[in-house]
Amino acid sequence: HGDLWGGNVAEDDCGPIIFDPASFY
């Protein structure tokens, strides 16, 4: 994900969601 702090994770009724990534391998 690259920037996985608590402000970039969430959930809805179906399960977890991550967002605002700064990805790389």
mmCIF file of all heavy atoms, coordinates in Angstrom:
data_MODEL
# 
_entry.id   MODEL 
# 
loop_
_atom_site.group_PDB 
_atom_site.id 
_atom_site.type_symbol 
_atom_site.label_atom_id 
_atom_site.label_alt_id 
_atom_site.label_comp_id 
_atom_site.label_asym_id 
_atom_site.label_entity_id 
_atom_site.label_seq_id 
_atom_site.pdbx_PDB_ins_code 
_atom_site.Cartn_x 
_atom_site.Cartn_y 
_atom_site.Cartn_z 
_atom_site.occupancy 
_atom_site.B_iso_or_equiv 
_atom_site.pdbx_formal_charge 
_atom_site.auth_seq_id 
_atom_site.auth_comp_id 
_atom_site.auth_asym_id 
_atom_site.auth_atom_id 
_atom_site.pdbx_PDB_model_num 
ATOM 1   N N   . HIS A 1 1  ? 0.851   -1.188 0.000  1.00 0.00 ? 1  HIS A N   1 
ATOM 2   C CA  . HIS A 1 1  ? 0.000   0.000  0.000  1.00 0.00 ? 1  HIS A CA  1 
ATOM 3   C C   . HIS A 1 1  ? 0.883   1.232  0.000  1.00 0.00 ? 1  HIS A C   1 
ATOM 4   O O   . HIS A 1 1  ? 0.668   2.169  -0.758 1.00 0.00 ? 1  HIS A O   1 
ATOM 5   C CB  . HIS A 1 1  ? -0.916  -0.010 1.235  1.00 0.00 ? 1  HIS A CB  1 
ATOM 6   C CG  . HIS A 1 1  ? -1.743  1.230  1.376  1.00 0.00 ? 1  HIS A CG  1 
ATOM 7   N ND1 . HIS A 1 1  ? -1.227  2.419  1.869  1.00 0.00 ? 1  HIS A ND1 1 
ATOM 8   C CD2 . HIS A 1 1  ? -3.044  1.484  1.082  1.00 0.00 ? 1  HIS A CD2 1 
ATOM 9   C CE1 . HIS A 1 1  ? -2.174  3.341  1.868  1.00 0.00 ? 1  HIS A CE1 1 
ATOM 10  N NE2 . HIS A 1 1  ? -3.295  2.804  1.400  1.00 0.00 ? 1  HIS A NE2 1 
ATOM 11  N N   . GLY A 1 2  ? 1.889   1.255  0.884  1.00 0.00 ? 2  GLY A N   1 
ATOM 12  C CA  . GLY A 1 2  ? 2.898   2.317  0.862  1.00 0.00 ? 2  GLY A CA  1 
ATOM 13  C C   . GLY A 1 2  ? 2.680   3.453  1.845  1.00 0.00 ? 2  GLY A C   1 
ATOM 14  O O   . GLY A 1 2  ? 3.623   4.178  2.155  1.00 0.00 ? 2  GLY A O   1 
ATOM 15  N N   . ASP A 1 3  ? 1.450   3.633  2.348  1.00 0.00 ? 3  ASP A N   1 
ATOM 16  C CA  . ASP A 1 3  ? 1.169   4.716  3.298  1.00 0.00 ? 3  ASP A CA  1 
ATOM 17  C C   . ASP A 1 3  ? 0.029   4.285  4.217  1.00 0.00 ? 3  ASP A C   1 
ATOM 18  O O   . ASP A 1 3  ? -0.984  4.967  4.371  1.00 0.00 ? 3  ASP A O   1 
ATOM 19  C CB  . ASP A 1 3  ? 0.798   5.995  2.532  1.00 0.00 ? 3  ASP A CB  1 
ATOM 20  C CG  . ASP A 1 3  ? 0.759   7.232  3.438  1.00 0.00 ? 3  ASP A CG  1 
ATOM 21  O OD1 . ASP A 1 3  ? 1.280   7.159  4.576  1.00 0.00 ? 3  ASP A OD1 1 
ATOM 22  O OD2 . ASP A 1 3  ? 0.207   8.269  3.017  1.00 0.00 ? 3  ASP A OD2 1 
ATOM 23  N N   . LEU A 1 4  ? 0.228   3.123  4.851  1.00 0.00 ? 4  LEU A N   1 
ATOM 24  C CA  . LEU A 1 4  ? -0.862  2.448  5.564  1.00 0.00 ? 4  LEU A CA  1 
ATOM 25  C C   . LEU A 1 4  ? -0.956  2.921  7.018  1.00 0.00 ? 4  LEU A C   1 
ATOM 26  O O   . LEU A 1 4  ? -0.725  2.163  7.944  1.00 0.00 ? 4  LEU A O   1 
ATOM 27  C CB  . LEU A 1 4  ? -0.672  0.932  5.502  1.00 0.00 ? 4  LEU A CB  1 
ATOM 28  C CG  . LEU A 1 4  ? -1.903  0.112  5.879  1.00 0.00 ? 4  LEU A CG  1 
ATOM 29  C CD1 . LEU A 1 4  ? -2.916  0.125  4.734  1.00 0.00 ? 4  LEU A CD1 1 
ATOM 30  C CD2 . LEU A 1 4  ? -1.525  -1.315 6.220  1.00 0.00 ? 4  LEU A CD2 1 
ATOM 31  N N   . TRP A 1 5  ? -1.327  4.183  7.208  1.00 0.00 ? 5  TRP A N   1 
ATOM 32  C CA  . TRP A 1 5  ? -1.589  4.655  8.566  1.00 0.00 ? 5  TRP A CA  1 
ATOM 33  C C   . TRP A 1 5  ? -3.088  4.556  8.834  1.00 0.00 ? 5  TRP A C   1 
ATOM 34  O O   . TRP A 1 5  ? -3.883  4.268  7.924  1.00 0.00 ? 5  TRP A O   1 
ATOM 35  C CB  . TRP A 1 5  ? -1.053  6.079  8.761  1.00 0.00 ? 5  TRP A CB  1 
ATOM 36  C CG  . TRP A 1 5  ? -1.767  7.174  8.032  1.00 0.00 ? 5  TRP A CG  1 
ATOM 37  C CD1 . TRP A 1 5  ? -1.761  7.415  6.695  1.00 0.00 ? 5  TRP A CD1 1 
ATOM 38  C CD2 . TRP A 1 5  ? -2.575  8.196  8.628  1.00 0.00 ? 5  TRP A CD2 1 
ATOM 39  N NE1 . TRP A 1 5  ? -2.517  8.517  6.408  1.00 0.00 ? 5  TRP A NE1 1 
ATOM 40  C CE2 . TRP A 1 5  ? -3.035  9.032  7.563  1.00 0.00 ? 5  TRP A CE2 1 
ATOM 41  C CE3 . TRP A 1 5  ? -2.963  8.501  9.934  1.00 0.00 ? 5  TRP A CE3 1 
ATOM 42  C CZ2 . TRP A 1 5  ? -3.856  10.140 7.787  1.00 0.00 ? 5  TRP A CZ2 1 
ATOM 43  C CZ3 . TRP A 1 5  ? -3.782  9.610  10.153 1.00 0.00 ? 5  TRP A CZ3 1 
ATOM 44  C CH2 . TRP A 1 5  ? -4.211  10.405 9.086  1.00 0.00 ? 5  TRP A CH2 1 
ATOM 45  N N   . GLY A 1 6  ? -3.487  4.791  10.078 1.00 0.00 ? 6  GLY A N   1 
ATOM 46  C CA  . GLY A 1 6  ? -4.873  4.566  10.474 1.00 0.00 ? 6  GLY A CA  1 
ATOM 47  C C   . GLY A 1 6  ? -5.880  5.417  9.719  1.00 0.00 ? 6  GLY A C   1 
ATOM 48  O O   . GLY A 1 6  ? -7.049  5.043  9.603  1.00 0.00 ? 6  GLY A O   1 
ATOM 49  N N   . GLY A 1 7  ? -5.444  6.566  9.182  1.00 0.00 ? 7  GLY A N   1 
ATOM 50  C CA  . GLY A 1 7  ? -6.341  7.430  8.417  1.00 0.00 ? 7  GLY A CA  1 
ATOM 51  C C   . GLY A 1 7  ? -6.627  6.930  7.018  1.00 0.00 ? 7  GLY A C   1 
ATOM 52  O O   . GLY A 1 7  ? -7.476  7.498  6.316  1.00 0.00 ? 7  GLY A O   1 
ATOM 53  N N   . ASN A 1 8  ? -5.915  5.889  6.573  1.00 0.00 ? 8  ASN A N   1 
ATOM 54  C CA  . ASN A 1 8  ? -6.097  5.355  5.221  1.00 0.00 ? 8  ASN A CA  1 
ATOM 55  C C   . ASN A 1 8  ? -6.721  3.962  5.220  1.00 0.00 ? 8  ASN A C   1 
ATOM 56  O O   . ASN A 1 8  ? -6.600  3.233  4.236  1.00 0.00 ? 8  ASN A O   1 
ATOM 57  C CB  . ASN A 1 8  ? -4.759  5.327  4.465  1.00 0.00 ? 8  ASN A CB  1 
ATOM 58  C CG  . ASN A 1 8  ? -4.302  6.717  4.060  1.00 0.00 ? 8  ASN A CG  1 
ATOM 59  O OD1 . ASN A 1 8  ? -5.089  7.663  4.069  1.00 0.00 ? 8  ASN A OD1 1 
ATOM 60  N ND2 . ASN A 1 8  ? -3.039  6.856  3.702  1.00 0.00 ? 8  ASN A ND2 1 
ATOM 61  N N   . VAL A 1 9  ? -7.355  3.599  6.333  1.00 0.00 ? 9  VAL A N   1 
ATOM 62  C CA  . VAL A 1 9  ? -8.079  2.326  6.405  1.00 0.00 ? 9  VAL A CA  1 
ATOM 63  C C   . VAL A 1 9  ? -9.472  2.602  6.954  1.00 0.00 ? 9  VAL A C   1 
ATOM 64  O O   . VAL A 1 9  ? -9.692  3.566  7.693  1.00 0.00 ? 9  VAL A O   1 
ATOM 65  C CB  . VAL A 1 9  ? -7.360  1.275  7.294  1.00 0.00 ? 9  VAL A CB  1 
ATOM 66  C CG1 . VAL A 1 9  ? -5.963  0.984  6.773  1.00 0.00 ? 9  VAL A CG1 1 
ATOM 67  C CG2 . VAL A 1 9  ? -7.301  1.718  8.753  1.00 0.00 ? 9  VAL A CG2 1 
ATOM 68  N N   . ALA A 1 10 ? -10.413 1.764  6.563  1.00 0.00 ? 10 ALA A N   1 
ATOM 69  C CA  . ALA A 1 10 ? -11.800 1.927  7.007  1.00 0.00 ? 10 ALA A CA  1 
ATOM 70  C C   . ALA A 1 10 ? -12.510 0.596  6.807  1.00 0.00 ? 10 ALA A C   1 
ATOM 71  O O   . ALA A 1 10 ? -11.872 -0.421 6.498  1.00 0.00 ? 10 ALA A O   1 
ATOM 72  C CB  . ALA A 1 10 ? -12.485 3.037  6.205  1.00 0.00 ? 10 ALA A CB  1 
ATOM 73  N N   . GLU A 1 11 ? -13.823 0.610  6.985  1.00 0.00 ? 11 GLU A N   1 
ATOM 74  C CA  . GLU A 1 11 ? -14.623 -0.577 6.702  1.00 0.00 ? 11 GLU A CA  1 
ATOM 75  C C   . GLU A 1 11 ? -16.032 -0.147 6.325  1.00 0.00 ? 11 GLU A C   1 
ATOM 76  O O   . GLU A 1 11 ? -16.442 0.999  6.559  1.00 0.00 ? 11 GLU A O   1 
ATOM 77  C CB  . GLU A 1 11 ? -14.669 -1.524 7.917  1.00 0.00 ? 11 GLU A CB  1 
ATOM 78  C CG  . GLU A 1 11 ? -15.419 -0.982 9.116  1.00 0.00 ? 11 GLU A CG  1 
ATOM 79  C CD  . GLU A 1 11 ? -15.402 -1.942 10.313 1.00 0.00 ? 11 GLU A CD  1 
ATOM 80  O OE1 . GLU A 1 11 ? -14.424 -2.680 10.478 1.00 0.00 ? 11 GLU A OE1 1 
ATOM 81  O OE2 . GLU A 1 11 ? -16.393 -1.927 11.073 1.00 0.00 ? 11 GLU A OE2 1 
ATOM 82  N N   . ASP A 1 12 ? -16.748 -1.071 5.683  1.00 0.00 ? 12 ASP A N   1 
ATOM 83  C CA  . ASP A 1 12 ? -18.188 -0.931 5.544  1.00 0.00 ? 12 ASP A CA  1 
ATOM 84  C C   . ASP A 1 12 ? -18.798 -2.254 5.992  1.00 0.00 ? 12 ASP A C   1 
ATOM 85  O O   . ASP A 1 12 ? -18.104 -3.084 6.594  1.00 0.00 ? 12 ASP A O   1 
ATOM 86  C CB  . ASP A 1 12 ? -18.590 -0.521 4.118  1.00 0.00 ? 12 ASP A CB  1 
ATOM 87  C CG  . ASP A 1 12 ? -18.241 -1.557 3.061  1.00 0.00 ? 12 ASP A CG  1 
ATOM 88  O OD1 . ASP A 1 12 ? -17.835 -2.692 3.422  1.00 0.00 ? 12 ASP A OD1 1 
ATOM 89  O OD2 . ASP A 1 12 ? -18.380 -1.256 1.859  1.00 0.00 ? 12 ASP A OD2 1 
ATOM 90  N N   . ASP A 1 13 ? -20.069 -2.462 5.716  1.00 0.00 ? 13 ASP A N   1 
ATOM 91  C CA  . ASP A 1 13 ? -20.715 -3.687 6.210  1.00 0.00 ? 13 ASP A CA  1 
ATOM 92  C C   . ASP A 1 13 ? -20.128 -4.946 5.569  1.00 0.00 ? 13 ASP A C   1 
ATOM 93  O O   . ASP A 1 13 ? -20.246 -6.040 6.129  1.00 0.00 ? 13 ASP A O   1 
ATOM 94  C CB  . ASP A 1 13 ? -22.223 -3.625 5.955  1.00 0.00 ? 13 ASP A CB  1 
ATOM 95  C CG  . ASP A 1 13 ? -22.895 -2.546 6.810  1.00 0.00 ? 13 ASP A CG  1 
ATOM 96  O OD1 . ASP A 1 13 ? -22.300 -2.162 7.836  1.00 0.00 ? 13 ASP A OD1 1 
ATOM 97  O OD2 . ASP A 1 13 ? -23.984 -2.075 6.435  1.00 0.00 ? 13 ASP A OD2 1 
ATOM 98  N N   . CYS A 1 14 ? -19.507 -4.788 4.394  1.00 0.00 ? 14 CYS A N   1 
ATOM 99  C CA  . CYS A 1 14 ? -18.964 -5.963 3.679  1.00 0.00 ? 14 CYS A CA  1 
ATOM 100 C C   . CYS A 1 14 ? -17.553 -6.353 4.137  1.00 0.00 ? 14 CYS A C   1 
ATOM 101 O O   . CYS A 1 14 ? -17.136 -7.492 3.926  1.00 0.00 ? 14 CYS A O   1 
ATOM 102 C CB  . CYS A 1 14 ? -18.930 -5.692 2.182  1.00 0.00 ? 14 CYS A CB  1 
ATOM 103 S SG  . CYS A 1 14 ? -20.552 -5.357 1.498  1.00 0.00 ? 14 CYS A SG  1 
ATOM 104 N N   . GLY A 1 15 ? -16.802 -5.416 4.719  1.00 0.00 ? 15 GLY A N   1 
ATOM 105 C CA  . GLY A 1 15 ? -15.439 -5.750 5.120  1.00 0.00 ? 15 GLY A CA  1 
ATOM 106 C C   . GLY A 1 15 ? -14.535 -4.530 5.117  1.00 0.00 ? 15 GLY A C   1 
ATOM 107 O O   . GLY A 1 15 ? -14.995 -3.390 4.980  1.00 0.00 ? 15 GLY A O   1 
ATOM 108 N N   . PRO A 1 16 ? -13.230 -4.751 5.254  1.00 0.00 ? 16 PRO A N   1 
ATOM 109 C CA  . PRO A 1 16 ? -12.280 -3.636 5.319  1.00 0.00 ? 16 PRO A CA  1 
ATOM 110 C C   . PRO A 1 16 ? -12.029 -2.995 3.958  1.00 0.00 ? 16 PRO A C   1 
ATOM 111 O O   . PRO A 1 16 ? -12.240 -3.619 2.912  1.00 0.00 ? 16 PRO A O   1 
ATOM 112 C CB  . PRO A 1 16 ? -11.006 -4.290 5.862  1.00 0.00 ? 16 PRO A CB  1 
ATOM 113 C CG  . PRO A 1 16 ? -11.120 -5.730 5.491  1.00 0.00 ? 16 PRO A CG  1 
ATOM 114 C CD  . PRO A 1 16 ? -12.577 -6.055 5.448  1.00 0.00 ? 16 PRO A CD  1 
ATOM 115 N N   . ILE A 1 17 ? -11.573 -1.749 4.004  1.00 0.00 ? 17 ILE A N   1 
ATOM 116 C CA  . ILE A 1 17 ? -11.236 -0.973 2.802  1.00 0.00 ? 17 ILE A CA  1 
ATOM 117 C C   . ILE A 1 17 ? -9.938  -0.228 3.100  1.00 0.00 ? 17 ILE A C   1 
ATOM 118 O O   . ILE A 1 17 ? -9.765  0.311  4.200  1.00 0.00 ? 17 ILE A O   1 
ATOM 119 C CB  . ILE A 1 17 ? -12.338 0.064  2.479  1.00 0.00 ? 17 ILE A CB  1 
ATOM 120 C CG1 . ILE A 1 17 ? -13.701 -0.619 2.273  1.00 0.00 ? 17 ILE A CG1 1 
ATOM 121 C CG2 . ILE A 1 17 ? -11.967 0.892  1.252  1.00 0.00 ? 17 ILE A CG2 1 
ATOM 122 C CD1 . ILE A 1 17 ? -14.889 0.333  2.411  1.00 0.00 ? 17 ILE A CD1 1 
ATOM 123 N N   . ILE A 1 18 ? -9.029  -0.209 2.146  1.00 0.00 ? 18 ILE A N   1 
ATOM 124 C CA  . ILE A 1 18 ? -7.849  0.648  2.263  1.00 0.00 ? 18 ILE A CA  1 
ATOM 125 C C   . ILE A 1 18 ? -7.867  1.630  1.097  1.00 0.00 ? 18 ILE A C   1 
ATOM 126 O O   . ILE A 1 18 ? -8.408  1.331  0.032  1.00 0.00 ? 18 ILE A O   1 
ATOM 127 C CB  . ILE A 1 18 ? -6.525  -0.161 2.312  1.00 0.00 ? 18 ILE A CB  1 
ATOM 128 C CG1 . ILE A 1 18 ? -6.295  -0.983 1.049  1.00 0.00 ? 18 ILE A CG1 1 
ATOM 129 C CG2 . ILE A 1 18 ? -6.516  -1.066 3.545  1.00 0.00 ? 18 ILE A CG2 1 
ATOM 130 C CD1 . ILE A 1 18 ? -4.956  -1.722 1.035  1.00 0.00 ? 18 ILE A CD1 1 
ATOM 131 N N   . PHE A 1 19 ? -7.291  2.808  1.294  1.00 0.00 ? 19 PHE A N   1 
ATOM 132 C CA  . PHE A 1 19 ? -7.355  3.838  0.248  1.00 0.00 ? 19 PHE A CA  1 
ATOM 133 C C   . PHE A 1 19 ? -6.141  4.750  0.358  1.00 0.00 ? 19 PHE A C   1 
ATOM 134 O O   . PHE A 1 19 ? -5.273  4.552  1.220  1.00 0.00 ? 19 PHE A O   1 
ATOM 135 C CB  . PHE A 1 19 ? -8.678  4.614  0.332  1.00 0.00 ? 19 PHE A CB  1 
ATOM 136 C CG  . PHE A 1 19 ? -9.006  5.172  1.696  1.00 0.00 ? 19 PHE A CG  1 
ATOM 137 C CD1 . PHE A 1 19 ? -8.681  6.475  2.029  1.00 0.00 ? 19 PHE A CD1 1 
ATOM 138 C CD2 . PHE A 1 19 ? -9.650  4.384  2.654  1.00 0.00 ? 19 PHE A CD2 1 
ATOM 139 C CE1 . PHE A 1 19 ? -8.992  6.994  3.282  1.00 0.00 ? 19 PHE A CE1 1 
ATOM 140 C CE2 . PHE A 1 19 ? -9.965  4.895  3.907  1.00 0.00 ? 19 PHE A CE2 1 
ATOM 141 C CZ  . PHE A 1 19 ? -9.627  6.203  4.218  1.00 0.00 ? 19 PHE A CZ  1 
ATOM 142 N N   . ASP A 1 20 ? -6.060  5.738  -0.536 1.00 0.00 ? 20 ASP A N   1 
ATOM 143 C CA  . ASP A 1 20 ? -4.915  6.671  -0.612 1.00 0.00 ? 20 ASP A CA  1 
ATOM 144 C C   . ASP A 1 20 ? -3.569  5.939  -0.658 1.00 0.00 ? 20 ASP A C   1 
ATOM 145 O O   . ASP A 1 20 ? -2.633  6.290  0.084  1.00 0.00 ? 20 ASP A O   1 
ATOM 146 C CB  . ASP A 1 20 ? -4.917  7.635  0.584  1.00 0.00 ? 20 ASP A CB  1 
ATOM 147 C CG  . ASP A 1 20 ? -6.000  8.696  0.479  1.00 0.00 ? 20 ASP A CG  1 
ATOM 148 O OD1 . ASP A 1 20 ? -6.722  8.700  -0.538 1.00 0.00 ? 20 ASP A OD1 1 
ATOM 149 O OD2 . ASP A 1 20 ? -6.140  9.513  1.408  1.00 0.00 ? 20 ASP A OD2 1 
ATOM 150 N N   . PRO A 1 21 ? -3.402  4.940  -1.540 1.00 0.00 ? 21 PRO A N   1 
ATOM 151 C CA  . PRO A 1 21 ? -2.131  4.218  -1.568 1.00 0.00 ? 21 PRO A CA  1 
ATOM 152 C C   . PRO A 1 21 ? -1.023  4.995  -2.270 1.00 0.00 ? 21 PRO A C   1 
ATOM 153 O O   . PRO A 1 21 ? -1.282  5.910  -3.065 1.00 0.00 ? 21 PRO A O   1 
ATOM 154 C CB  . PRO A 1 21 ? -2.479  2.948  -2.374 1.00 0.00 ? 21 PRO A CB  1 
ATOM 155 C CG  . PRO A 1 21 ? -3.569  3.394  -3.294 1.00 0.00 ? 21 PRO A CG  1 
ATOM 156 C CD  . PRO A 1 21 ? -4.369  4.420  -2.520 1.00 0.00 ? 21 PRO A CD  1 
ATOM 157 N N   . ALA A 1 22 ? 0.211   4.627  -1.950 1.00 0.00 ? 22 ALA A N   1 
ATOM 158 C CA  . ALA A 1 22 ? 1.419   5.128  -2.631 1.00 0.00 ? 22 ALA A CA  1 
ATOM 159 C C   . ALA A 1 22 ? 2.261   3.892  -2.936 1.00 0.00 ? 22 ALA A C   1 
ATOM 160 O O   . ALA A 1 22 ? 3.327   3.689  -2.364 1.00 0.00 ? 22 ALA A O   1 
ATOM 161 C CB  . ALA A 1 22 ? 2.162   6.101  -1.729 1.00 0.00 ? 22 ALA A CB  1 
ATOM 162 N N   . SER A 1 23 ? 1.744   3.054  -3.812 1.00 0.00 ? 23 SER A N   1 
ATOM 163 C CA  . SER A 1 23 ? 2.243   1.680  -3.944 1.00 0.00 ? 23 SER A CA  1 
ATOM 164 C C   . SER A 1 23 ? 3.604   1.569  -4.616 1.00 0.00 ? 23 SER A C   1 
ATOM 165 O O   . SER A 1 23 ? 4.024   2.446  -5.374 1.00 0.00 ? 23 SER A O   1 
ATOM 166 C CB  . SER A 1 23 ? 1.235   0.835  -4.730 1.00 0.00 ? 23 SER A CB  1 
ATOM 167 O OG  . SER A 1 23 ? 0.054   0.642  -3.992 1.00 0.00 ? 23 SER A OG  1 
ATOM 168 N N   . PHE A 1 24 ? 4.251   0.462  -4.324 1.00 0.00 ? 24 PHE A N   1 
ATOM 169 C CA  . PHE A 1 24 ? 5.444   -0.002 -5.038 1.00 0.00 ? 24 PHE A CA  1 
ATOM 170 C C   . PHE A 1 24 ? 5.699   -1.430 -4.570 1.00 0.00 ? 24 PHE A C   1 
ATOM 171 O O   . PHE A 1 24 ? 5.064   -1.907 -3.636 1.00 0.00 ? 24 PHE A O   1 
ATOM 172 C CB  . PHE A 1 24 ? 6.649   0.906  -4.791 1.00 0.00 ? 24 PHE A CB  1 
ATOM 173 C CG  . PHE A 1 24 ? 7.123   0.974  -3.355 1.00 0.00 ? 24 PHE A CG  1 
ATOM 174 C CD1 . PHE A 1 24 ? 8.191   0.203  -2.913 1.00 0.00 ? 24 PHE A CD1 1 
ATOM 175 C CD2 . PHE A 1 24 ? 6.510   1.817  -2.439 1.00 0.00 ? 24 PHE A CD2 1 
ATOM 176 C CE1 . PHE A 1 24 ? 8.628   0.260  -1.588 1.00 0.00 ? 24 PHE A CE1 1 
ATOM 177 C CE2 . PHE A 1 24 ? 6.940   1.890  -1.115 1.00 0.00 ? 24 PHE A CE2 1 
ATOM 178 C CZ  . PHE A 1 24 ? 8.004   1.108  -0.701 1.00 0.00 ? 24 PHE A CZ  1 
ATOM 179 N N   . TYR A 1 25 ? 6.597   -2.117 -5.239 1.00 0.00 ? 25 TYR A N   1 
ATOM 180 C CA  . TYR A 1 25 ? 6.999   -3.455 -4.812 1.00 0.00 ? 25 TYR A CA  1 
ATOM 181 C C   . TYR A 1 25 ? 8.184   -3.323 -3.867 1.00 0.00 ? 25 TYR A C   1 
ATOM 182 O O   . TYR A 1 25 ? 9.209   -2.742 -4.229 1.00 0.00 ? 25 TYR A O   1 
ATOM 183 C CB  . TYR A 1 25 ? 7.365   -4.320 -6.024 1.00 0.00 ? 25 TYR A CB  1 
ATOM 184 C CG  . TYR A 1 25 ? 6.149   -4.812 -6.778 1.00 0.00 ? 25 TYR A CG  1 
ATOM 185 C CD1 . TYR A 1 25 ? 5.565   -4.033 -7.774 1.00 0.00 ? 25 TYR A CD1 1 
ATOM 186 C CD2 . TYR A 1 25 ? 5.563   -6.040 -6.474 1.00 0.00 ? 25 TYR A CD2 1 
ATOM 187 C CE1 . TYR A 1 25 ? 4.429   -4.461 -8.449 1.00 0.00 ? 25 TYR A CE1 1 
ATOM 188 C CE2 . TYR A 1 25 ? 4.433   -6.484 -7.147 1.00 0.00 ? 25 TYR A CE2 1 
ATOM 189 C CZ  . TYR A 1 25 ? 3.873   -5.693 -8.126 1.00 0.00 ? 25 TYR A CZ  1 
ATOM 190 O OH  . TYR A 1 25 ? 2.748   -6.131 -8.779 1.00 0.00 ? 25 TYR A OH  1 
# 
